[in-house]
Amino acid sequence: MAESKIKEGVTAPDTNELNLTSASRKKSFNLPKLLRVVFLTIGLLFLYAPIVSLIIYSFNGSKMMTVWGGFSVKWYFELFADKQMMDAVLTSLIISFCAASMSVIIGTLAALVLVRISNFKGESLFALFITAPMVLPEVIVGLSMLLLFVTLSQLIGWPQRGMVTIWIAMVTVTAAYVTVVVRSRLKELDYSIEEASQDLGAGPVKTFFFITLPSILPAIVSGWLLAFTLAMDDLVITSFVAGPGSQTLPMVVFSSVRRGLNPEINALATIIVFIVSLCTFFYWLMRVRKEKRLRQDMKLAMQGK
């Protein structure tokens, strides 16, 4: 008993020391937490302060960007009355939609070739050619596409510079990004599921549409949205391959900014931010409802057991 008391007395820590160490730990943890909050605030301000100021000045009644002329929505009405701007928006939407759709088809097929038909002759060269537009400067890509279209136009009379040439150039660039996104998803996919489908009598085509395609559908949607955004936002390559009557939205905005700041551009940017925010909110709401439904199903399954 005495020995146990001696051991307990030796090994038992002092409560004052414990309080001091816990207080010092709290102080040491508070400083990094404060720094994280400060850095996060600075980062958010750096990212979103220009967007907030742009939205505020879209309701400015004065045409001068540095002078507040009162609250007004006249620039939104002038924006919708500007035929050149509306034609550019429509042109950009058509080209971006078509380019993103074709990029999804080409990128998905290229990803299937690289993942499912691996170790074929020329695999490295094929992967290099597919992903080359991602690393090449846009000036080089735009100039090379221009030379290609001019040569083809002189030889066979097609294509003429316009929406078609912009669409081809955008597909060339954005297909590389779709390939990378879909390829990463295919590498994570369990191939035994496809083998089980084929063992049960499903052919390769049916297996692809009923097993593989639903599994990689989120990656395909992500690739389509990425391709649409890149095609909608491109200026450098489009400036090389565009024709006289095929000005896209970035080209019109850039030429307008070179002549001076136009409040219509603020109104247009505000509308784009609002549409993107609305789509993001609905996507988040769908994800929350899906997760809630999944938790309810798991709870019912556990209760059934």
Foldseek 3Di string as FASTA:
>chain_A
DVVVVVVCVVPPDDPVVVVVVVVVVVVVVVVVVVVVVVVVVVVCCVPCVVLVLLLVQLQAPDFDSVDRRDGHNVLVVVLVVPPVLVLQAVLLQVLLQLLLVLLLVLLLVLLCCCPVVHPDPCSVVSLCQLQVLVPDDLLVLLVVLLVVQVVCCVPPNDDDQASVSLSVSLNSNLSSVLNVLLNVQVVVDDCVVLVVVVVVPDDPVRSCVPPVCVSSVVSSVVSSVVSSVCSLQDDNSCVRRHDPPHNHNVRVVVVVVVVHDGSSVSVVSNVVVVVVVVVVVVVVVVVVVVVVVVVVVVVVVVVVD
